[in-house]
Structures are given as structure tokens and as C-alpha cells.
Amino acid sequence: MAVHYEIPFMHTLQPLLMLKWLYVDPEYRGGRVGQRLMRQMAPHARGTGHERFCWFVLNDNVLAQSFYRGLGATEDPEWRRWILPSSALNRLVDGAE
């Protein structure tokens, strides 16, 4: 399963295609199913006007990182993920007028 969505405009004023999940049932892993899914995502990205698409990978998911590198993907050096944790979210809610 390859779940994706589009962010209409980013800082480049171009749409961005985000891969939310790439999931292969454990019993089918190692059978190139993930590769086939990514091969379907590539023409979909091009066909919908995207020059690239992006996703997140957990720091400790070495197998996924290796898989994506094998496809020719690289880490994005321009962006860092930011999180607003619960405590900060609560402070914003409590301080909101």
C-alpha cells in the first residue's frame, strides 16, 4: 500500500507530493513488492505534475533507509522536522484568547 497526498504549494510555489506510508505485509516483504509500489508512484508523480516526491523515515529504521537509498533516494538536507509537543500545545491553548 502506498498512501500519499499533495501539498498544493510549498516555498517553491510548486506542488509537493508526500508519501505518507509505504506498507508491505510482512509475509510479502523481500519479494520486491515495495519496489513495484515505488515504480507505480514514480509515473503517478510525473503524471500529476511533480518533479519529485518526499517522505519521512525514522532515524532508527535502517532497513527502510537502505531500501530507499537502493532506489536512488537521498535525505533532504534542506529541511528538519519540527514537533510541537503536548506541553507546548497546552500552553498555546491556555494562552489563546
N, C-alpha and C. Protein backbone atom coordinates (compact mmCIF):
# COMPACT_ATOMS: atom_id res chain seq x y z
N MET A 1 0.84 -1.15 0.00
CA MET A 1 0.00 0.00 0.00
C MET A 1 0.90 1.24 0.00
N ALA A 2 0.63 2.17 -0.88
CA ALA A 2 1.35 3.44 -0.93
C ALA A 2 0.32 4.56 -0.77
N VAL A 3 0.29 5.14 0.43
CA VAL A 3 -0.65 6.21 0.74
C VAL A 3 0.09 7.54 0.54
N HIS A 4 -0.51 8.44 -0.20
CA HIS A 4 0.15 9.70 -0.50
C HIS A 4 -0.86 10.84 -0.52
N TYR A 5 -0.35 12.06 -0.46
CA TYR A 5 -1.19 13.25 -0.55
C TYR A 5 -0.37 14.38 -1.16
N GLU A 6 -1.09 15.41 -1.61
CA GLU A 6 -0.42 16.54 -2.24
C GLU A 6 -0.55 17.79 -1.37
N ILE A 7 0.57 18.50 -1.22
CA ILE A 7 0.56 19.82 -0.62
C ILE A 7 0.59 20.78 -1.81
N PRO A 8 -0.47 21.58 -2.00
CA PRO A 8 -0.57 22.37 -3.22
C PRO A 8 0.61 23.29 -3.51
N PHE A 9 1.09 24.03 -2.53
CA PHE A 9 2.19 24.95 -2.78
C PHE A 9 3.14 24.97 -1.60
N MET A 10 4.38 24.88 -1.90
CA MET A 10 5.42 24.98 -0.88
C MET A 10 6.20 26.27 -1.15
N HIS A 11 7.34 26.42 -0.53
CA HIS A 11 8.16 27.62 -0.69
C HIS A 11 8.60 27.84 -2.14
N THR A 12 8.60 26.77 -2.92
CA THR A 12 8.99 26.86 -4.33
C THR A 12 7.83 27.27 -5.22
N LEU A 13 6.65 27.40 -4.64
CA LEU A 13 5.41 27.68 -5.37
C LEU A 13 5.05 26.55 -6.34
N GLN A 14 5.56 25.38 -6.04
CA GLN A 14 5.25 24.17 -6.81
C GLN A 14 4.55 23.18 -5.88
N PRO A 15 3.66 22.35 -6.41
CA PRO A 15 3.03 21.35 -5.55
C PRO A 15 4.05 20.30 -5.11
N LEU A 16 3.79 19.71 -3.96
CA LEU A 16 4.68 18.68 -3.42
C LEU A 16 3.87 17.43 -3.15
N LEU A 17 4.35 16.30 -3.65
CA LEU A 17 3.70 15.01 -3.40
C LEU A 17 4.40 14.36 -2.22
N MET A 18 3.64 14.01 -1.20
CA MET A 18 4.18 13.38 0.01
C MET A 18 3.70 11.94 0.08
N LEU A 19 4.64 11.05 0.32
CA LEU A 19 4.32 9.65 0.57
C LEU A 19 4.10 9.53 2.07
N LYS A 20 2.90 9.21 2.48
CA LYS A 20 2.56 9.10 3.90
C LYS A 20 3.01 7.75 4.44
N TRP A 21 2.66 6.69 3.74
CA TRP A 21 3.02 5.33 4.16
C TRP A 21 3.35 4.49 2.95
N LEU A 22 4.36 3.69 3.08
CA LEU A 22 4.63 2.60 2.14
C LEU A 22 4.61 1.35 3.00
N TYR A 23 3.61 0.52 2.80
CA TYR A 23 3.45 -0.65 3.65
C TYR A 23 3.34 -1.90 2.80
N VAL A 24 4.14 -2.89 3.17
CA VAL A 24 4.07 -4.22 2.55
C VAL A 24 3.87 -5.21 3.68
N ASP A 25 2.86 -6.04 3.58
CA ASP A 25 2.59 -7.05 4.58
C ASP A 25 3.85 -7.89 4.81
N PRO A 26 4.18 -8.19 6.06
CA PRO A 26 5.42 -8.92 6.35
C PRO A 26 5.60 -10.21 5.55
N GLU A 27 4.53 -10.90 5.25
CA GLU A 27 4.67 -12.16 4.51
C GLU A 27 5.11 -11.95 3.06
N TYR A 28 4.98 -10.71 2.55
CA TYR A 28 5.37 -10.42 1.17
C TYR A 28 6.65 -9.59 1.07
N ARG A 29 7.22 -9.23 2.19
CA ARG A 29 8.46 -8.43 2.17
C ARG A 29 9.60 -9.27 1.60
N GLY A 30 10.48 -8.60 0.89
CA GLY A 30 11.60 -9.30 0.25
C GLY A 30 11.25 -9.78 -1.15
N GLY A 31 10.00 -9.61 -1.55
CA GLY A 31 9.55 -10.05 -2.87
C GLY A 31 9.43 -8.92 -3.87
N ARG A 32 10.07 -7.80 -3.60
CA ARG A 32 10.08 -6.62 -4.47
C ARG A 32 8.74 -5.92 -4.60
N VAL A 33 7.84 -6.18 -3.67
CA VAL A 33 6.54 -5.50 -3.69
C VAL A 33 6.73 -4.01 -3.44
N GLY A 34 7.56 -3.64 -2.47
CA GLY A 34 7.84 -2.24 -2.20
C GLY A 34 8.42 -1.53 -3.41
N GLN A 35 9.32 -2.23 -4.09
CA GLN A 35 9.91 -1.67 -5.30
C GLN A 35 8.85 -1.43 -6.37
N ARG A 36 7.93 -2.38 -6.52
CA ARG A 36 6.86 -2.23 -7.51
C ARG A 36 5.93 -1.07 -7.15
N LEU A 37 5.65 -0.92 -5.85
CA LEU A 37 4.82 0.20 -5.43
C LEU A 37 5.49 1.53 -5.75
N MET A 38 6.78 1.62 -5.46
CA MET A 38 7.51 2.85 -5.76
C MET A 38 7.59 3.08 -7.27
N ARG A 39 7.68 2.02 -8.05
CA ARG A 39 7.69 2.16 -9.50
C ARG A 39 6.34 2.66 -10.02
N GLN A 40 5.27 2.40 -9.29
CA GLN A 40 3.96 2.94 -9.65
C GLN A 40 3.82 4.39 -9.20
N MET A 41 4.43 4.72 -8.07
CA MET A 41 4.37 6.10 -7.57
C MET A 41 5.12 7.06 -8.51
N ALA A 42 6.23 6.61 -9.08
CA ALA A 42 7.05 7.48 -9.93
C ALA A 42 6.26 8.04 -11.12
N PRO A 43 5.63 7.22 -11.95
CA PRO A 43 4.87 7.80 -13.06
C PRO A 43 3.64 8.58 -12.59
N HIS A 44 3.08 8.18 -11.44
CA HIS A 44 1.96 8.94 -10.88
C HIS A 44 2.43 10.36 -10.53
N ALA A 45 3.60 10.45 -9.91
CA ALA A 45 4.15 11.77 -9.55
C ALA A 45 4.35 12.61 -10.81
N ARG A 46 4.98 12.05 -11.81
CA ARG A 46 5.22 12.80 -13.05
C ARG A 46 3.90 13.16 -13.72
N GLY A 47 2.98 12.22 -13.76
CA GLY A 47 1.70 12.45 -14.43
C GLY A 47 0.84 13.50 -13.76
N THR A 48 1.09 13.77 -12.49
CA THR A 48 0.32 14.78 -11.77
C THR A 48 1.12 16.07 -11.60
N GLY A 49 2.21 16.21 -12.36
CA GLY A 49 2.95 17.46 -12.40
C GLY A 49 4.02 17.65 -11.34
N HIS A 50 4.48 16.57 -10.73
CA HIS A 50 5.50 16.67 -9.70
C HIS A 50 6.86 16.24 -10.24
N GLU A 51 7.87 16.99 -9.91
CA GLU A 51 9.24 16.65 -10.31
C GLU A 51 9.90 15.69 -9.33
N ARG A 52 9.31 15.56 -8.14
CA ARG A 52 9.86 14.68 -7.10
C ARG A 52 8.76 14.40 -6.09
N PHE A 53 9.00 13.48 -5.20
CA PHE A 53 8.11 13.31 -4.05
C PHE A 53 8.93 12.96 -2.83
N CYS A 54 8.33 13.19 -1.67
CA CYS A 54 9.07 13.14 -0.40
C CYS A 54 8.35 12.26 0.62
N TRP A 55 9.09 11.88 1.66
CA TRP A 55 8.53 11.11 2.78
C TRP A 55 9.48 11.21 3.96
N PHE A 56 9.01 10.75 5.11
CA PHE A 56 9.82 10.71 6.32
C PHE A 56 10.21 9.28 6.63
N VAL A 57 11.39 9.10 7.21
CA VAL A 57 11.85 7.79 7.65
C VAL A 57 12.41 7.97 9.06
N LEU A 58 12.02 7.10 9.97
CA LEU A 58 12.55 7.16 11.33
C LEU A 58 14.06 6.97 11.32
N ASN A 59 14.73 7.68 12.22
CA ASN A 59 16.20 7.61 12.30
C ASN A 59 16.72 6.20 12.48
N ASP A 60 15.99 5.38 13.24
CA ASP A 60 16.49 4.04 13.54
C ASP A 60 15.99 2.97 12.57
N ASN A 61 15.25 3.36 11.54
CA ASN A 61 14.75 2.38 10.57
C ASN A 61 15.78 2.19 9.45
N VAL A 62 16.82 1.47 9.79
CA VAL A 62 17.95 1.27 8.88
C VAL A 62 17.53 0.49 7.63
N LEU A 63 16.64 -0.48 7.80
CA LEU A 63 16.20 -1.26 6.64
C LEU A 63 15.47 -0.39 5.62
N ALA A 64 14.59 0.49 6.10
CA ALA A 64 13.87 1.39 5.19
C ALA A 64 14.84 2.35 4.51
N GLN A 65 15.78 2.88 5.27
CA GLN A 65 16.76 3.80 4.70
C GLN A 65 17.56 3.11 3.60
N SER A 66 17.95 1.89 3.84
CA SER A 66 18.70 1.13 2.85
C SER A 66 17.85 0.88 1.60
N PHE A 67 16.59 0.52 1.82
CA PHE A 67 15.66 0.28 0.71
C PHE A 67 15.55 1.54 -0.16
N TYR A 68 15.31 2.69 0.47
CA TYR A 68 15.13 3.93 -0.28
C TYR A 68 16.41 4.36 -0.98
N ARG A 69 17.54 4.19 -0.32
CA ARG A 69 18.82 4.51 -0.97
C ARG A 69 19.02 3.65 -2.21
N GLY A 70 18.61 2.38 -2.13
CA GLY A 70 18.72 1.47 -3.26
C GLY A 70 17.89 1.91 -4.46
N LEU A 71 16.85 2.71 -4.19
CA LEU A 71 16.03 3.25 -5.28
C LEU A 71 16.62 4.54 -5.85
N GLY A 72 17.64 5.07 -5.18
CA GLY A 72 18.25 6.32 -5.62
C GLY A 72 17.80 7.53 -4.82
N ALA A 73 17.03 7.31 -3.75
CA ALA A 73 16.56 8.42 -2.91
C ALA A 73 17.70 8.90 -2.01
N THR A 74 17.62 10.16 -1.62
CA THR A 74 18.60 10.75 -0.71
C THR A 74 17.86 11.51 0.38
N GLU A 75 18.55 11.72 1.50
CA GLU A 75 17.97 12.53 2.57
C GLU A 75 17.92 13.98 2.14
N ASP A 76 16.89 14.69 2.55
CA ASP A 76 16.73 16.10 2.20
C ASP A 76 17.58 16.94 3.15
N PRO A 77 18.61 17.60 2.64
CA PRO A 77 19.47 18.38 3.52
C PRO A 77 18.89 19.75 3.89
N GLU A 78 17.80 20.15 3.24
CA GLU A 78 17.26 21.49 3.44
C GLU A 78 16.23 21.59 4.56
N TRP A 79 15.65 20.48 4.98
CA TRP A 79 14.53 20.53 5.91
C TRP A 79 14.81 19.71 7.15
N ARG A 80 14.35 20.21 8.28
CA ARG A 80 14.37 19.48 9.54
C ARG A 80 12.93 19.41 10.03
N ARG A 81 12.54 18.29 10.54
CA ARG A 81 11.18 18.11 11.06
C ARG A 81 11.08 18.76 12.44
N TRP A 82 10.01 19.52 12.68
CA TRP A 82 9.75 20.17 13.95
C TRP A 82 8.46 19.62 14.54
N ILE A 83 8.42 19.54 15.85
CA ILE A 83 7.26 19.00 16.54
C ILE A 83 6.85 19.97 17.65
N LEU A 84 5.56 20.21 17.79
CA LEU A 84 5.04 20.97 18.92
C LEU A 84 4.50 19.94 19.91
N PRO A 85 5.25 19.66 21.00
CA PRO A 85 4.82 18.62 21.93
C PRO A 85 3.58 19.05 22.72
N SER A 86 3.01 18.10 23.41
CA SER A 86 1.78 18.32 24.16
C SER A 86 1.87 19.48 25.14
N SER A 87 2.97 19.57 25.86
CA SER A 87 3.11 20.65 26.85
C SER A 87 3.07 22.02 26.19
N ALA A 88 3.76 22.17 25.07
CA ALA A 88 3.76 23.45 24.35
C ALA A 88 2.39 23.71 23.73
N LEU A 89 1.77 22.66 23.22
CA LEU A 89 0.44 22.80 22.64
C LEU A 89 -0.53 23.28 23.71
N ASN A 90 -0.45 22.69 24.91
CA ASN A 90 -1.33 23.11 26.01
C ASN A 90 -1.08 24.56 26.39
N ARG A 91 0.18 25.00 26.41
CA ARG A 91 0.48 26.41 26.74
C ARG A 91 -0.15 27.33 25.70
N LEU A 92 -0.09 26.96 24.43
CA LEU A 92 -0.69 27.78 23.38
C LEU A 92 -2.21 27.82 23.52
N VAL A 93 -2.80 26.69 23.84
CA VAL A 93 -4.26 26.63 24.02
C VAL A 93 -4.67 27.46 25.22
N ASP A 94 -3.98 27.30 26.33
CA ASP A 94 -4.32 28.02 27.56
C ASP A 94 -4.11 29.52 27.43
N GLY A 95 -3.11 29.91 26.61
CA GLY A 95 -2.83 31.33 26.43
C GLY A 95 -3.63 31.97 25.32
N ALA A 96 -4.38 31.16 24.58
CA ALA A 96 -5.14 31.70 23.45
C ALA A 96 -6.31 32.54 23.95
N GLU A 97 -6.63 33.56 23.21
CA GLU A 97 -7.77 34.42 23.58
C GLU A 97 -8.94 34.15 22.70
